[in-house]
Amino acid sequence: MEIAMNLEQATYHLEKTKPLTLKEVTFKFKPTIKEQKRLFRSSLHKLTIIAEVNNQVYEFLGYDLNHKLISQLKKDPSRFLVGAEPPFLCGTNWPDSALSEVVEKNNVPLDSLIITDGTNVAAIIYEDEISVLINWFKILIS
């Protein structure tokens, strides 16, 4: 099977596509434990996620870290979302939202997590790196 290639179109696409620049993302976690004094209630773990990309710090404050959050990240990272307003640490499956435009504009793989300000992508956490985040979360609540 032969596939014809339009060199003009390929060259135009290559010129218009920005090259990807590799960035190292450093994650830090600040767990705090709030003891609830009620009967039949376990400790509540509040988590602050800090991501540093090219000397820019993104801080996601006070999220409940529990098995539900971890299982959601494990089961469907594309619908994961941390952040009520930009910046976001999120998956890529947000149709009919500005996030879907950001994902498309930056050619983000659909099985990844991103850190975004709502317009630009600061970092991509690829699918094979998500398991490392899950393991850190598990360590923090154990």
Protein backbone atom coordinates (compact mmCIF):
# COMPACT_ATOMS: atom_id res chain seq x y z
CA MET A 1 0.00 0.00 0.00
CA GLU A 2 1.38 3.37 -0.98
CA ILE A 3 0.53 6.62 0.71
CA ALA A 4 0.92 9.82 -1.26
CA MET A 5 2.51 12.66 0.65
CA ASN A 6 1.85 16.31 0.01
CA LEU A 7 5.22 17.93 0.74
CA GLU A 8 3.87 21.48 0.65
CA GLN A 9 1.23 20.68 3.26
CA ALA A 10 3.71 18.75 5.44
CA THR A 11 6.22 21.62 5.28
CA TYR A 12 3.53 24.17 6.14
CA HIS A 13 2.38 22.08 9.11
CA LEU A 14 5.97 21.64 10.31
CA GLU A 15 6.63 25.39 10.13
CA LYS A 16 3.42 26.23 12.03
CA THR A 17 3.86 23.64 14.80
CA LYS A 18 5.91 24.88 17.72
CA PRO A 19 8.63 22.50 18.91
CA LEU A 20 8.06 20.95 22.32
CA THR A 21 10.44 22.05 25.03
CA LEU A 22 11.19 19.60 27.78
CA LYS A 23 10.60 20.87 31.29
CA GLU A 24 11.23 19.22 34.59
CA VAL A 25 8.35 19.34 37.03
CA THR A 26 9.18 19.07 40.71
CA PHE A 27 6.29 18.05 42.95
CA LYS A 28 6.19 18.73 46.67
CA PHE A 29 3.43 17.83 49.06
CA LYS A 30 2.45 19.45 52.34
CA PRO A 31 0.17 17.03 54.14
CA THR A 32 -1.56 18.11 57.33
CA ILE A 33 -3.78 15.92 59.43
CA LYS A 34 -6.90 17.31 61.05
CA GLU A 35 -8.26 15.14 63.78
CA GLN A 36 -12.03 14.92 63.86
CA LYS A 37 -13.35 14.32 67.37
CA ARG A 38 -16.54 12.57 66.22
CA LEU A 39 -17.34 8.95 66.76
CA PHE A 40 -16.85 6.67 63.71
CA ARG A 41 -14.90 9.26 61.76
CA SER A 42 -11.31 8.81 60.69
CA SER A 43 -8.64 11.47 60.35
CA LEU A 44 -8.97 13.84 57.47
CA HIS A 45 -5.85 14.40 55.40
CA LYS A 46 -5.58 17.82 53.76
CA LEU A 47 -3.03 18.04 50.99
CA THR A 48 -1.30 20.97 49.37
CA ILE A 49 0.31 20.07 46.05
CA ILE A 50 3.16 22.30 44.93
CA ALA A 51 4.50 21.98 41.39
CA GLU A 52 7.54 23.91 40.26
CA VAL A 53 8.18 24.35 36.54
CA ASN A 54 11.02 26.56 35.26
CA ASN A 55 11.16 28.50 38.55
CA GLN A 56 7.39 29.12 38.42
CA VAL A 57 5.54 27.72 41.45
CA TYR A 58 1.97 26.46 41.21
CA GLU A 59 0.29 25.76 44.56
CA PHE A 60 -2.94 23.78 44.90
CA LEU A 61 -4.12 24.27 48.49
CA GLY A 62 -6.09 22.14 50.91
CA TYR A 63 -7.49 19.24 48.92
CA ASP A 64 -8.96 16.26 50.74
CA LEU A 65 -6.63 13.36 50.09
CA ASN A 66 -8.53 10.14 50.39
CA HIS A 67 -8.93 6.80 48.68
CA LYS A 68 -11.69 8.21 46.45
CA LEU A 69 -9.33 10.83 44.97
CA ILE A 70 -6.63 8.21 44.43
CA SER A 71 -9.00 5.73 42.82
CA GLN A 72 -10.36 8.45 40.52
CA LEU A 73 -6.82 9.30 39.42
CA LYS A 74 -6.05 5.61 38.91
CA LYS A 75 -9.32 4.76 37.12
CA ASP A 76 -9.88 7.86 34.97
CA PRO A 77 -7.07 10.44 35.01
CA SER A 78 -8.67 12.24 32.06
CA ARG A 79 -11.44 13.56 34.38
CA PHE A 80 -9.12 14.41 37.29
CA LEU A 81 -9.26 18.05 38.39
CA VAL A 82 -7.53 19.93 41.18
CA GLY A 83 -8.16 23.66 41.32
CA ALA A 84 -11.36 25.66 41.52
CA GLU A 85 -9.91 28.40 39.33
CA PRO A 86 -6.68 28.64 37.34
CA PRO A 87 -4.14 27.20 37.67
CA PHE A 88 -5.43 23.66 37.28
CA LEU A 89 -3.84 20.25 37.66
CA CYS A 90 -6.19 18.26 35.48
CA GLY A 91 -6.85 15.57 32.95
CA THR A 92 -7.65 16.23 29.32
CA ASN A 93 -11.29 15.16 28.99
CA TRP A 94 -13.22 18.41 29.45
CA PRO A 95 -15.31 18.79 26.29
CA ASP A 96 -17.09 22.09 25.70
CA SER A 97 -14.70 23.95 28.00
CA ALA A 98 -11.72 26.23 27.56
CA LEU A 99 -9.51 23.37 28.83
CA SER A 100 -10.30 21.30 25.72
CA GLU A 101 -9.06 24.18 23.56
CA VAL A 102 -5.84 24.37 25.59
CA VAL A 103 -5.31 20.61 25.18
CA GLU A 104 -5.89 20.78 21.42
CA LYS A 105 -3.78 23.92 20.89
CA ASN A 106 -0.79 22.38 22.71
CA ASN A 107 -1.06 18.86 21.24
CA VAL A 108 -1.37 17.28 24.69
CA PRO A 109 -1.69 13.47 24.68
CA LEU A 110 -5.20 12.57 25.85
CA ASP A 111 -4.05 10.16 28.58
CA SER A 112 -1.98 12.81 30.40
CA LEU A 113 -2.40 15.32 33.19
CA ILE A 114 -1.55 18.96 32.65
CA ILE A 115 -0.78 22.00 34.72
CA THR A 116 -2.38 24.97 33.01
CA ASP A 117 -3.26 28.58 33.70
CA GLY A 118 -6.34 28.16 31.52
CA THR A 119 -4.59 29.47 28.43
CA ASN A 120 -1.15 27.85 28.27
CA VAL A 121 0.21 24.49 29.36
CA ALA A 122 2.95 24.85 31.96
CA ALA A 123 3.68 21.12 32.18
CA ILE A 124 2.49 17.72 31.04
CA ILE A 125 2.51 14.67 33.31
CA TYR A 126 2.48 11.73 30.94
CA GLU A 127 0.48 8.55 31.51
CA ASP A 128 3.49 6.52 32.66
CA GLU A 129 4.33 9.21 35.23
CA ILE A 130 0.84 9.30 36.78
CA SER A 131 1.51 6.05 38.67
CA VAL A 132 4.35 7.81 40.53
CA LEU A 133 1.88 10.49 41.73
CA ILE A 134 -0.57 7.79 42.82
CA ASN A 135 2.17 6.04 44.83
CA TRP A 136 3.10 9.32 46.56
CA PHE A 137 -0.55 9.91 47.47
CA LYS A 138 -0.81 6.40 48.90
CA ILE A 139 2.33 6.96 51.01
CA LEU A 140 0.96 10.23 52.35
CA ILE A 141 -2.30 8.74 53.64
CA SER A 142 -0.89 5.53 55.03
